[in-house]
Amino acid sequence: MKSKVLKLGLVYASMVFIIYSSFMYLLYKGMLNVIYILGAVEIAKNIISAIMIIGGIIQLKDFFFYGKGISLEIPKFAKPKIESLIKRGTIPSAFILGILVSLVEIPCAGLFPLFYTAILSYKFSEISSIISILWYNIFFVMPLVILIIVFYLGLMKIEKAEKARLRTRRYMRLISGILMIILGLWFVTWVI
């Protein structure tokens, strides 16, 4: 059973890594095209800044009024499918789960990658950007890998970790909301 948890978790984490790295690379290439072909550096910068600030305001709203109105979270329609895949507990379901969760989380977790790839598209070569994207995603999935190892070693039960996540999610929204607003304000004033 423990080795199964490890295998399933690593398949899931690998898919998250692949999907987010691909998403960020496509963002990077898309931004380069928009910025350099259209010559719309200031417009792109202002749009990205506005998206970050609006996302931050939504996250702050969720700190005070969680679940009311617009939220940056997994859509309700996807939750039953995700739960069904989790219950199956097979390698193919972990593979599909990694893809599905990554795709439906991009609207809520994708603002930081959007900002990060915007910086890369302004200042870095393609090789440096690809390496930076891979590093970003290694650090992005590292907490997930650590949790998988913790569960594998039996240091914590999944149910206990889920209760802790639910207890702290409002504060995670507060921190990410503040960070998004600060980054959005910084980016709009950033001299390229």
N, C-alpha and C. Protein backbone atom coordinates (compact mmCIF):
# COMPACT_ATOMS: atom_id res chain seq x y z
N MET A 1 0.83 -1.21 0.00
CA MET A 1 0.00 0.00 0.00
C MET A 1 0.87 1.26 0.00
N LYS A 2 1.94 1.26 0.84
CA LYS A 2 2.80 2.44 0.93
C LYS A 2 3.51 2.69 -0.40
N SER A 3 3.98 1.63 -1.06
CA SER A 3 4.67 1.81 -2.34
C SER A 3 3.69 2.31 -3.40
N LYS A 4 2.42 1.92 -3.28
CA LYS A 4 1.40 2.39 -4.23
C LYS A 4 1.19 3.90 -4.05
N VAL A 5 1.13 4.36 -2.81
CA VAL A 5 0.98 5.80 -2.53
C VAL A 5 2.14 6.56 -3.17
N LEU A 6 3.35 6.02 -3.01
CA LEU A 6 4.53 6.68 -3.57
C LEU A 6 4.44 6.73 -5.10
N LYS A 7 4.10 5.62 -5.74
CA LYS A 7 4.02 5.57 -7.20
C LYS A 7 2.94 6.51 -7.72
N LEU A 8 1.76 6.43 -7.12
CA LEU A 8 0.65 7.29 -7.57
C LEU A 8 1.00 8.76 -7.39
N GLY A 9 1.57 9.08 -6.24
CA GLY A 9 1.94 10.47 -5.95
C GLY A 9 2.98 10.99 -6.93
N LEU A 10 3.97 10.17 -7.24
CA LEU A 10 5.03 10.63 -8.15
C LEU A 10 4.52 10.76 -9.59
N VAL A 11 3.61 9.89 -9.99
CA VAL A 11 2.99 10.04 -11.33
C VAL A 11 2.21 11.35 -11.38
N TYR A 12 1.42 11.60 -10.34
CA TYR A 12 0.62 12.82 -10.26
C TYR A 12 1.53 14.06 -10.29
N ALA A 13 2.56 14.07 -9.44
CA ALA A 13 3.47 15.22 -9.37
C ALA A 13 4.20 15.43 -10.70
N SER A 14 4.58 14.35 -11.37
CA SER A 14 5.25 14.47 -12.67
C SER A 14 4.34 15.12 -13.70
N MET A 15 3.06 14.74 -13.70
CA MET A 15 2.13 15.34 -14.66
C MET A 15 1.91 16.82 -14.36
N VAL A 16 1.82 17.17 -13.08
CA VAL A 16 1.68 18.59 -12.71
C VAL A 16 2.89 19.36 -13.23
N PHE A 17 4.08 18.81 -13.03
CA PHE A 17 5.32 19.45 -13.49
C PHE A 17 5.29 19.64 -15.01
N ILE A 18 4.92 18.61 -15.74
CA ILE A 18 4.91 18.68 -17.21
C ILE A 18 3.88 19.68 -17.71
N ILE A 19 2.68 19.65 -17.15
CA ILE A 19 1.61 20.55 -17.62
C ILE A 19 1.96 22.00 -17.32
N TYR A 20 2.41 22.29 -16.10
CA TYR A 20 2.74 23.68 -15.76
C TYR A 20 3.96 24.18 -16.54
N SER A 21 4.96 23.33 -16.74
CA SER A 21 6.12 23.74 -17.53
C SER A 21 5.70 24.04 -18.97
N SER A 22 4.84 23.19 -19.54
CA SER A 22 4.35 23.41 -20.91
C SER A 22 3.52 24.69 -20.98
N PHE A 23 2.64 24.89 -20.01
CA PHE A 23 1.80 26.09 -19.96
C PHE A 23 2.68 27.35 -19.91
N MET A 24 3.69 27.32 -19.06
CA MET A 24 4.55 28.50 -18.92
C MET A 24 5.38 28.74 -20.18
N TYR A 25 5.83 27.67 -20.82
CA TYR A 25 6.59 27.85 -22.05
C TYR A 25 5.69 28.44 -23.14
N LEU A 26 4.46 27.96 -23.25
CA LEU A 26 3.53 28.52 -24.24
C LEU A 26 3.21 29.99 -23.93
N LEU A 27 3.06 30.30 -22.64
CA LEU A 27 2.86 31.70 -22.24
C LEU A 27 4.05 32.55 -22.68
N TYR A 28 5.24 32.04 -22.38
CA TYR A 28 6.47 32.75 -22.73
C TYR A 28 6.54 33.02 -24.23
N LYS A 29 6.31 31.99 -25.04
CA LYS A 29 6.37 32.16 -26.50
C LYS A 29 5.28 33.11 -26.98
N GLY A 30 4.08 32.98 -26.40
CA GLY A 30 2.99 33.86 -26.78
C GLY A 30 3.27 35.32 -26.44
N MET A 31 3.83 35.55 -25.27
CA MET A 31 4.14 36.92 -24.87
C MET A 31 5.23 37.51 -25.75
N LEU A 32 6.22 36.70 -26.09
CA LEU A 32 7.27 37.20 -26.99
C LEU A 32 6.66 37.64 -28.31
N ASN A 33 5.76 36.84 -28.85
CA ASN A 33 5.12 37.19 -30.12
C ASN A 33 4.33 38.49 -30.00
N VAL A 34 3.53 38.59 -28.97
CA VAL A 34 2.71 39.80 -28.78
C VAL A 34 3.60 41.02 -28.58
N ILE A 35 4.58 40.87 -27.71
CA ILE A 35 5.42 42.01 -27.36
C ILE A 35 6.26 42.48 -28.54
N TYR A 36 6.91 41.56 -29.22
CA TYR A 36 7.86 41.97 -30.24
C TYR A 36 7.26 42.12 -31.64
N ILE A 37 6.31 41.30 -32.00
CA ILE A 37 5.71 41.42 -33.33
C ILE A 37 4.79 42.63 -33.37
N LEU A 38 3.97 42.81 -32.34
CA LEU A 38 3.04 43.94 -32.33
C LEU A 38 3.67 45.20 -31.75
N GLY A 39 4.83 45.04 -31.11
CA GLY A 39 5.47 46.20 -30.49
C GLY A 39 4.64 46.78 -29.36
N ALA A 40 3.96 45.90 -28.65
CA ALA A 40 3.01 46.35 -27.62
C ALA A 40 3.56 46.13 -26.22
N VAL A 41 4.79 46.57 -25.96
CA VAL A 41 5.43 46.31 -24.67
C VAL A 41 4.63 46.95 -23.53
N GLU A 42 4.32 48.22 -23.66
CA GLU A 42 3.61 48.93 -22.57
C GLU A 42 2.20 48.38 -22.37
N ILE A 43 1.52 48.07 -23.47
CA ILE A 43 0.15 47.53 -23.37
C ILE A 43 0.19 46.18 -22.66
N ALA A 44 1.11 45.30 -23.07
CA ALA A 44 1.22 43.97 -22.45
C ALA A 44 1.54 44.11 -20.97
N LYS A 45 2.46 45.02 -20.64
CA LYS A 45 2.85 45.24 -19.25
C LYS A 45 1.65 45.70 -18.41
N ASN A 46 0.88 46.62 -18.95
CA ASN A 46 -0.30 47.14 -18.23
C ASN A 46 -1.38 46.07 -18.06
N ILE A 47 -1.58 45.25 -19.09
CA ILE A 47 -2.59 44.18 -19.00
C ILE A 47 -2.19 43.17 -17.94
N ILE A 48 -0.91 42.75 -17.95
CA ILE A 48 -0.43 41.77 -16.96
C ILE A 48 -0.53 42.35 -15.55
N SER A 49 -0.16 43.61 -15.39
CA SER A 49 -0.26 44.27 -14.08
C SER A 49 -1.71 44.29 -13.60
N ALA A 50 -2.62 44.65 -14.50
CA ALA A 50 -4.05 44.71 -14.14
C ALA A 50 -4.57 43.33 -13.75
N ILE A 51 -4.17 42.29 -14.50
CA ILE A 51 -4.60 40.93 -14.17
C ILE A 51 -4.11 40.53 -12.79
N MET A 52 -2.85 40.85 -12.48
CA MET A 52 -2.28 40.51 -11.17
C MET A 52 -3.04 41.24 -10.04
N ILE A 53 -3.30 42.52 -10.24
CA ILE A 53 -3.97 43.31 -9.19
C ILE A 53 -5.40 42.82 -8.99
N ILE A 54 -6.11 42.55 -10.09
CA ILE A 54 -7.49 42.03 -9.98
C ILE A 54 -7.48 40.67 -9.29
N GLY A 55 -6.54 39.80 -9.69
CA GLY A 55 -6.42 38.49 -9.03
C GLY A 55 -6.14 38.64 -7.54
N GLY A 56 -5.29 39.59 -7.18
CA GLY A 56 -4.99 39.84 -5.77
C GLY A 56 -6.20 40.31 -5.00
N ILE A 57 -6.99 41.18 -5.62
CA ILE A 57 -8.22 41.67 -4.96
C ILE A 57 -9.20 40.52 -4.74
N ILE A 58 -9.31 39.63 -5.73
CA ILE A 58 -10.20 38.47 -5.58
C ILE A 58 -9.72 37.57 -4.44
N GLN A 59 -8.39 37.36 -4.35
CA GLN A 59 -7.84 36.55 -3.26
C GLN A 59 -8.11 37.20 -1.90
N LEU A 60 -7.95 38.51 -1.81
CA LEU A 60 -8.24 39.22 -0.55
C LEU A 60 -9.73 39.11 -0.20
N LYS A 61 -10.57 39.20 -1.23
CA LYS A 61 -12.01 39.04 -1.00
C LYS A 61 -12.29 37.68 -0.38
N ASP A 62 -11.59 36.65 -0.87
CA ASP A 62 -11.79 35.30 -0.34
C ASP A 62 -11.30 35.15 1.10
N PHE A 63 -10.35 35.96 1.51
CA PHE A 63 -9.94 35.93 2.90
C PHE A 63 -11.09 36.38 3.80
N PHE A 64 -11.79 37.43 3.37
CA PHE A 64 -12.88 37.98 4.18
C PHE A 64 -14.22 37.31 3.91
N PHE A 65 -14.47 36.93 2.66
CA PHE A 65 -15.76 36.35 2.28
C PHE A 65 -15.52 35.09 1.45
N TYR A 66 -14.99 34.06 2.07
CA TYR A 66 -14.61 32.85 1.32
C TYR A 66 -15.83 32.19 0.68
N GLY A 67 -15.70 31.89 -0.62
CA GLY A 67 -16.75 31.19 -1.34
C GLY A 67 -17.89 32.06 -1.82
N LYS A 68 -17.82 33.36 -1.59
CA LYS A 68 -18.86 34.28 -2.06
C LYS A 68 -18.39 34.95 -3.35
N GLY A 69 -19.23 34.89 -4.36
CA GLY A 69 -18.90 35.56 -5.62
C GLY A 69 -17.78 34.85 -6.38
N ILE A 70 -17.05 35.63 -7.16
CA ILE A 70 -15.96 35.09 -7.99
C ILE A 70 -14.81 34.65 -7.09
N SER A 71 -14.29 33.46 -7.38
CA SER A 71 -13.13 32.95 -6.63
C SER A 71 -12.15 32.32 -7.60
N LEU A 72 -10.87 32.35 -7.23
CA LEU A 72 -9.84 31.69 -8.03
C LEU A 72 -9.61 30.31 -7.43
N GLU A 73 -10.46 29.37 -7.81
CA GLU A 73 -10.35 28.01 -7.29
C GLU A 73 -10.81 27.03 -8.35
N ILE A 74 -10.60 25.75 -8.07
CA ILE A 74 -11.03 24.72 -9.02
C ILE A 74 -12.53 24.84 -9.22
N PRO A 75 -12.99 24.89 -10.48
CA PRO A 75 -14.43 25.02 -10.74
C PRO A 75 -15.23 23.85 -10.15
N LYS A 76 -16.43 24.16 -9.71
CA LYS A 76 -17.28 23.14 -9.08
C LYS A 76 -17.57 21.95 -10.01
N PHE A 77 -17.71 22.22 -11.32
CA PHE A 77 -18.03 21.14 -12.26
C PHE A 77 -16.91 20.10 -12.33
N ALA A 78 -15.68 20.49 -12.01
CA ALA A 78 -14.54 19.55 -12.11
C ALA A 78 -14.36 18.71 -10.85
N LYS A 79 -14.91 19.16 -9.73
CA LYS A 79 -14.65 18.48 -8.45
C LYS A 79 -15.14 17.03 -8.41
N PRO A 80 -16.35 16.69 -8.91
CA PRO A 80 -16.77 15.28 -8.88
C PRO A 80 -15.85 14.37 -9.70
N LYS A 81 -15.38 14.86 -10.86
CA LYS A 81 -14.47 14.06 -11.69
C LYS A 81 -13.14 13.85 -10.98
N ILE A 82 -12.65 14.88 -10.32
CA ILE A 82 -11.39 14.78 -9.58
C ILE A 82 -11.53 13.77 -8.44
N GLU A 83 -12.63 13.85 -7.69
CA GLU A 83 -12.86 12.91 -6.58
C GLU A 83 -12.96 11.47 -7.09
N SER A 84 -13.61 11.30 -8.24
CA SER A 84 -13.74 9.97 -8.82
C SER A 84 -12.37 9.39 -9.19
N LEU A 85 -11.50 10.22 -9.78
CA LEU A 85 -10.16 9.77 -10.14
C LEU A 85 -9.32 9.43 -8.91
N ILE A 86 -9.47 10.23 -7.86
CA ILE A 86 -8.73 9.98 -6.61
C ILE A 86 -9.13 8.63 -6.03
N LYS A 87 -10.44 8.34 -6.03
CA LYS A 87 -10.93 7.09 -5.45
C LYS A 87 -10.46 5.85 -6.22
N ARG A 88 -10.24 6.00 -7.53
CA ARG A 88 -9.79 4.85 -8.32
C ARG A 88 -8.41 4.37 -7.86
N GLY A 89 -7.50 5.31 -7.60
CA GLY A 89 -6.19 4.95 -7.08
C GLY A 89 -5.36 4.05 -7.97
N THR A 90 -5.38 4.33 -9.29
CA THR A 90 -4.56 3.56 -10.23
C THR A 90 -3.55 4.49 -10.89
N ILE A 91 -2.54 3.90 -11.53
CA ILE A 91 -1.54 4.71 -12.24
C ILE A 91 -2.20 5.53 -13.35
N PRO A 92 -3.06 4.93 -14.20
CA PRO A 92 -3.71 5.75 -15.23
C PRO A 92 -4.57 6.87 -14.63
N SER A 93 -5.26 6.60 -13.52
CA SER A 93 -6.09 7.66 -12.93
C SER A 93 -5.22 8.76 -12.33
N ALA A 94 -4.05 8.42 -11.76
CA ALA A 94 -3.13 9.44 -11.24
C ALA A 94 -2.58 10.29 -12.39
N PHE A 95 -2.31 9.64 -13.52
CA PHE A 95 -1.83 10.34 -14.72
C PHE A 95 -2.88 11.35 -15.20
N ILE A 96 -4.12 10.87 -15.36
CA ILE A 96 -5.22 11.74 -15.81
C ILE A 96 -5.51 12.82 -14.77
N LEU A 97 -5.46 12.45 -13.50
CA LEU A 97 -5.71 13.41 -12.42
C LEU A 97 -4.70 14.55 -12.47
N GLY A 98 -3.42 14.22 -12.68
CA GLY A 98 -2.39 15.25 -12.77
C GLY A 98 -2.66 16.23 -13.90
N ILE A 99 -3.09 15.70 -15.04
CA ILE A 99 -3.42 16.56 -16.19
C ILE A 99 -4.65 17.40 -15.88
N LEU A 100 -5.73 16.75 -15.42
CA LEU A 100 -7.00 17.44 -15.17
C LEU A 100 -6.86 18.52 -14.11
N VAL A 101 -6.25 18.18 -12.97
CA VAL A 101 -6.11 19.16 -11.89
C VAL A 101 -5.27 20.34 -12.36
N SER A 102 -4.19 20.06 -13.07
CA SER A 102 -3.34 21.15 -13.57
C SER A 102 -4.12 22.08 -14.49
N LEU A 103 -4.89 21.51 -15.40
CA LEU A 103 -5.63 22.32 -16.36
C LEU A 103 -6.72 23.16 -15.69
N VAL A 104 -7.44 22.56 -14.72
CA VAL A 104 -8.52 23.34 -14.09
C VAL A 104 -8.00 24.30 -13.02
N GLU A 105 -6.74 24.07 -12.56
CA GLU A 105 -6.14 24.98 -11.58
C GLU A 105 -5.45 26.17 -12.23
N ILE A 106 -5.17 26.10 -13.52
CA ILE A 106 -4.43 27.18 -14.18
C ILE A 106 -5.11 28.54 -13.97
N PRO A 107 -6.44 28.66 -14.07
CA PRO A 107 -7.03 29.98 -13.82
C PRO A 107 -6.76 30.51 -12.41
N CYS A 108 -6.64 29.62 -11.41
CA CYS A 108 -6.42 30.12 -10.05
C CYS A 108 -4.95 30.15 -9.67
N ALA A 109 -4.16 29.20 -10.15
CA ALA A 109 -2.75 29.16 -9.78
C ALA A 109 -1.86 29.75 -10.88
N GLY A 110 -2.44 30.13 -11.99
CA GLY A 110 -1.66 30.56 -13.15
C GLY A 110 -1.22 32.01 -13.15
N LEU A 111 -1.65 32.81 -12.17
CA LEU A 111 -1.28 34.21 -12.18
C LEU A 111 0.20 34.42 -11.86
N PHE A 112 0.74 33.66 -10.92
CA PHE A 112 2.17 33.77 -10.63
C PHE A 112 3.00 33.31 -11.82
N PRO A 113 2.66 32.16 -12.47
CA PRO A 113 3.40 31.81 -13.69
C PRO A 113 3.27 32.86 -14.80
N LEU A 114 2.10 33.49 -14.92
CA LEU A 114 1.92 34.55 -15.91
C LEU A 114 2.91 35.68 -15.65
N PHE A 115 3.00 36.11 -14.41
CA PHE A 115 3.91 37.19 -14.04
C PHE A 115 5.36 36.78 -14.29
N TYR A 116 5.70 35.58 -13.85
CA TYR A 116 7.08 35.08 -13.97
C TYR A 116 7.50 35.00 -15.44
N THR A 117 6.63 34.46 -16.29
CA THR A 117 6.98 34.34 -17.71
C THR A 117 7.01 35.70 -18.39
N ALA A 118 6.21 36.65 -17.89
CA ALA A 118 6.27 38.01 -18.44
C ALA A 118 7.66 38.61 -18.21
N ILE A 119 8.20 38.43 -17.01
CA ILE A 119 9.55 38.92 -16.70
C ILE A 119 10.56 38.25 -17.63
N LEU A 120 10.43 36.94 -17.79
CA LEU A 120 11.36 36.20 -18.64
C LEU A 120 11.30 36.70 -20.08
N SER A 121 10.10 36.96 -20.57
CA SER A 121 9.96 37.37 -21.98
C SER A 121 10.53 38.75 -22.25
N TYR A 122 10.64 39.58 -21.20
CA TYR A 122 11.21 40.91 -21.38
C TYR A 122 12.73 40.91 -21.32
N LYS A 123 13.31 40.05 -20.51
CA LYS A 123 14.72 40.22 -20.17
C LYS A 123 15.66 39.05 -20.46
N PHE A 124 15.14 37.87 -20.76
CA PHE A 124 16.00 36.69 -20.82
C PHE A 124 15.97 36.02 -22.19
N SER A 125 17.07 35.35 -22.53
CA SER A 125 17.13 34.57 -23.76
C SER A 125 16.22 33.35 -23.63
N GLU A 126 15.96 32.69 -24.75
CA GLU A 126 15.06 31.54 -24.72
C GLU A 126 15.63 30.40 -23.88
N ILE A 127 16.92 30.12 -24.01
CA ILE A 127 17.53 29.03 -23.23
C ILE A 127 17.46 29.35 -21.74
N SER A 128 17.82 30.58 -21.36
CA SER A 128 17.74 30.99 -19.94
C SER A 128 16.30 30.90 -19.44
N SER A 129 15.35 31.28 -20.28
CA SER A 129 13.94 31.24 -19.90
C SER A 129 13.45 29.81 -19.69
N ILE A 130 13.84 28.90 -20.58
CA ILE A 130 13.43 27.50 -20.43
C ILE A 130 14.00 26.93 -19.13
N ILE A 131 15.27 27.20 -18.86
CA ILE A 131 15.88 26.73 -17.61
C ILE A 131 15.16 27.34 -16.41
N SER A 132 14.83 28.63 -16.48
CA SER A 132 14.12 29.31 -15.39
C SER A 132 12.72 28.72 -15.18
N ILE A 133 12.04 28.39 -16.28
CA ILE A 133 10.72 27.78 -16.19
C ILE A 133 10.81 26.40 -15.52
N LEU A 134 11.81 25.63 -15.90
CA LEU A 134 11.99 24.31 -15.29
C LEU A 134 12.30 24.44 -13.79
N TRP A 135 13.17 25.39 -13.42
CA TRP A 135 13.46 25.61 -12.01
C TRP A 135 12.22 26.03 -11.23
N TYR A 136 11.44 26.95 -11.83
CA TYR A 136 10.20 27.40 -11.18
C TYR A 136 9.31 26.20 -10.86
N ASN A 137 9.17 25.31 -11.84
CA ASN A 137 8.27 24.18 -11.66
C ASN A 137 8.82 23.10 -10.75
N ILE A 138 10.14 22.99 -10.67
CA ILE A 138 10.73 22.09 -9.67
C ILE A 138 10.34 22.58 -8.28
N PHE A 139 10.49 23.88 -8.04
CA PHE A 139 10.12 24.44 -6.73
C PHE A 139 8.60 24.41 -6.53
N PHE A 140 7.83 24.53 -7.62
CA PHE A 140 6.37 24.49 -7.52
C PHE A 140 5.87 23.12 -7.06
N VAL A 141 6.47 22.04 -7.58
CA VAL A 141 6.01 20.69 -7.20
C VAL A 141 6.73 20.13 -5.97
N MET A 142 7.80 20.82 -5.51
CA MET A 142 8.56 20.31 -4.37
C MET A 142 7.70 20.10 -3.12
N PRO A 143 6.81 21.04 -2.74
CA PRO A 143 5.96 20.77 -1.57
C PRO A 143 5.09 19.52 -1.76
N LEU A 144 4.63 19.31 -2.98
CA LEU A 144 3.83 18.13 -3.29
C LEU A 144 4.66 16.86 -3.12
N VAL A 145 5.88 16.86 -3.62
CA VAL A 145 6.77 15.70 -3.48
C VAL A 145 7.09 15.44 -2.01
N ILE A 146 7.32 16.51 -1.26
CA ILE A 146 7.59 16.37 0.19
C ILE A 146 6.39 15.74 0.88
N LEU A 147 5.18 16.21 0.55
CA LEU A 147 3.96 15.61 1.14
C LEU A 147 3.84 14.13 0.77
N ILE A 148 4.12 13.80 -0.47
CA ILE A 148 4.05 12.39 -0.90
C ILE A 148 5.01 11.54 -0.06
N ILE A 149 6.21 12.04 0.15
CA ILE A 149 7.21 11.30 0.96
C ILE A 149 6.75 11.20 2.41
N VAL A 150 6.17 12.28 2.94
CA VAL A 150 5.65 12.28 4.32
C VAL A 150 4.55 11.22 4.46
N PHE A 151 3.63 11.17 3.48
CA PHE A 151 2.56 10.16 3.52
C PHE A 151 3.14 8.75 3.36
N TYR A 152 4.10 8.61 2.46
CA TYR A 152 4.75 7.31 2.23
C TYR A 152 5.42 6.79 3.50
N LEU A 153 6.11 7.68 4.21
CA LEU A 153 6.80 7.29 5.44
C LEU A 153 5.85 7.14 6.63
N GLY A 154 4.59 7.53 6.43
CA GLY A 154 3.61 7.41 7.50
C GLY A 154 3.75 8.47 8.59
N LEU A 155 4.42 9.58 8.26
CA LEU A 155 4.62 10.64 9.25
C LEU A 155 3.35 11.47 9.48
N MET A 156 2.44 11.41 8.51
CA MET A 156 1.17 12.13 8.64
C MET A 156 0.13 11.44 7.78
N LYS A 157 -1.10 11.46 8.24
CA LYS A 157 -2.20 10.89 7.48
C LYS A 157 -2.74 11.95 6.52
N ILE A 158 -3.23 11.48 5.38
CA ILE A 158 -3.77 12.38 4.36
C ILE A 158 -4.93 13.20 4.93
N GLU A 159 -5.77 12.58 5.74
CA GLU A 159 -6.92 13.27 6.31
C GLU A 159 -6.48 14.45 7.19
N LYS A 160 -5.40 14.24 7.96
CA LYS A 160 -4.89 15.30 8.84
C LYS A 160 -4.35 16.46 8.01
N ALA A 161 -3.64 16.14 6.92
CA ALA A 161 -3.11 17.18 6.04
C ALA A 161 -4.24 17.97 5.39
N GLU A 162 -5.31 17.28 5.01
CA GLU A 162 -6.47 17.96 4.40
C GLU A 162 -7.13 18.90 5.39
N LYS A 163 -7.26 18.47 6.65
CA LYS A 163 -7.84 19.35 7.68
C LYS A 163 -6.98 20.59 7.87
N ALA A 164 -5.66 20.41 7.87
CA ALA A 164 -4.74 21.56 8.02
C ALA A 164 -4.88 22.51 6.82
N ARG A 165 -5.02 21.94 5.62
CA ARG A 165 -5.19 22.77 4.42
C ARG A 165 -6.47 23.60 4.50
N LEU A 166 -7.55 22.96 4.94
CA LEU A 166 -8.82 23.67 5.05
C LEU A 166 -8.77 24.77 6.11
N ARG A 167 -8.03 24.51 7.20
CA ARG A 167 -7.90 25.51 8.27
C ARG A 167 -7.11 26.73 7.82
N THR A 168 -6.12 26.51 6.95
CA THR A 168 -5.21 27.60 6.59
C THR A 168 -5.50 28.23 5.23
N ARG A 169 -6.46 27.72 4.48
CA ARG A 169 -6.66 28.20 3.11
C ARG A 169 -6.99 29.68 3.04
N ARG A 170 -7.73 30.20 4.01
CA ARG A 170 -8.04 31.64 3.99
C ARG A 170 -6.77 32.46 4.11
N TYR A 171 -5.84 32.01 4.94
CA TYR A 171 -4.59 32.76 5.14
C TYR A 171 -3.68 32.64 3.92
N MET A 172 -3.74 31.51 3.24
CA MET A 172 -2.98 31.37 1.99
C MET A 172 -3.52 32.36 0.95
N ARG A 173 -4.84 32.54 0.95
CA ARG A 173 -5.45 33.51 0.03
C ARG A 173 -5.00 34.93 0.38
N LEU A 174 -4.96 35.23 1.66
CA LEU A 174 -4.53 36.56 2.11
C LEU A 174 -3.10 36.84 1.63
N ILE A 175 -2.20 35.92 1.88
CA ILE A 175 -0.80 36.11 1.50
C ILE A 175 -0.64 36.22 -0.01
N SER A 176 -1.30 35.31 -0.75
CA SER A 176 -1.15 35.36 -2.21
C SER A 176 -1.80 36.63 -2.77
N GLY A 177 -2.91 37.08 -2.18
CA GLY A 177 -3.56 38.31 -2.63
C GLY A 177 -2.67 39.53 -2.45
N ILE A 178 -2.04 39.63 -1.29
CA ILE A 178 -1.12 40.75 -1.03
C ILE A 178 0.05 40.71 -2.00
N LEU A 179 0.62 39.50 -2.19
CA LEU A 179 1.75 39.36 -3.12
C LEU A 179 1.37 39.75 -4.54
N MET A 180 0.19 39.31 -5.00
CA MET A 180 -0.24 39.62 -6.36
C MET A 180 -0.39 41.13 -6.55
N ILE A 181 -0.98 41.81 -5.58
CA ILE A 181 -1.17 43.26 -5.70
C ILE A 181 0.18 43.96 -5.72
N ILE A 182 1.09 43.56 -4.83
CA ILE A 182 2.42 44.18 -4.79
C ILE A 182 3.15 43.95 -6.12
N LEU A 183 3.13 42.71 -6.63
CA LEU A 183 3.80 42.41 -7.89
C LEU A 183 3.17 43.16 -9.06
N GLY A 184 1.84 43.25 -9.07
CA GLY A 184 1.15 43.99 -10.14
C GLY A 184 1.52 45.46 -10.13
N LEU A 185 1.56 46.07 -8.94
CA LEU A 185 1.93 47.48 -8.83
C LEU A 185 3.39 47.70 -9.21
N TRP A 186 4.26 46.77 -8.81
CA TRP A 186 5.67 46.88 -9.15
C TRP A 186 5.86 46.76 -10.67
N PHE A 187 5.16 45.79 -11.28
CA PHE A 187 5.36 45.53 -12.70
C PHE A 187 4.91 46.71 -13.57
N VAL A 188 3.82 47.36 -13.16
CA VAL A 188 3.32 48.49 -13.97
C VAL A 188 4.31 49.66 -13.92
N THR A 189 5.11 49.75 -12.85
CA THR A 189 6.07 50.86 -12.75
C THR A 189 7.48 50.44 -13.18
N TRP A 190 7.65 49.16 -13.52
CA TRP A 190 8.96 48.62 -13.88
C TRP A 190 9.43 49.21 -15.21
N VAL A 191 10.64 49.69 -15.24
CA VAL A 191 11.20 50.26 -16.46
C VAL A 191 11.86 49.15 -17.26
N ILE A 192 11.44 48.97 -18.49
CA ILE A 192 11.97 47.89 -19.34
C ILE A 192 13.14 48.41 -20.14
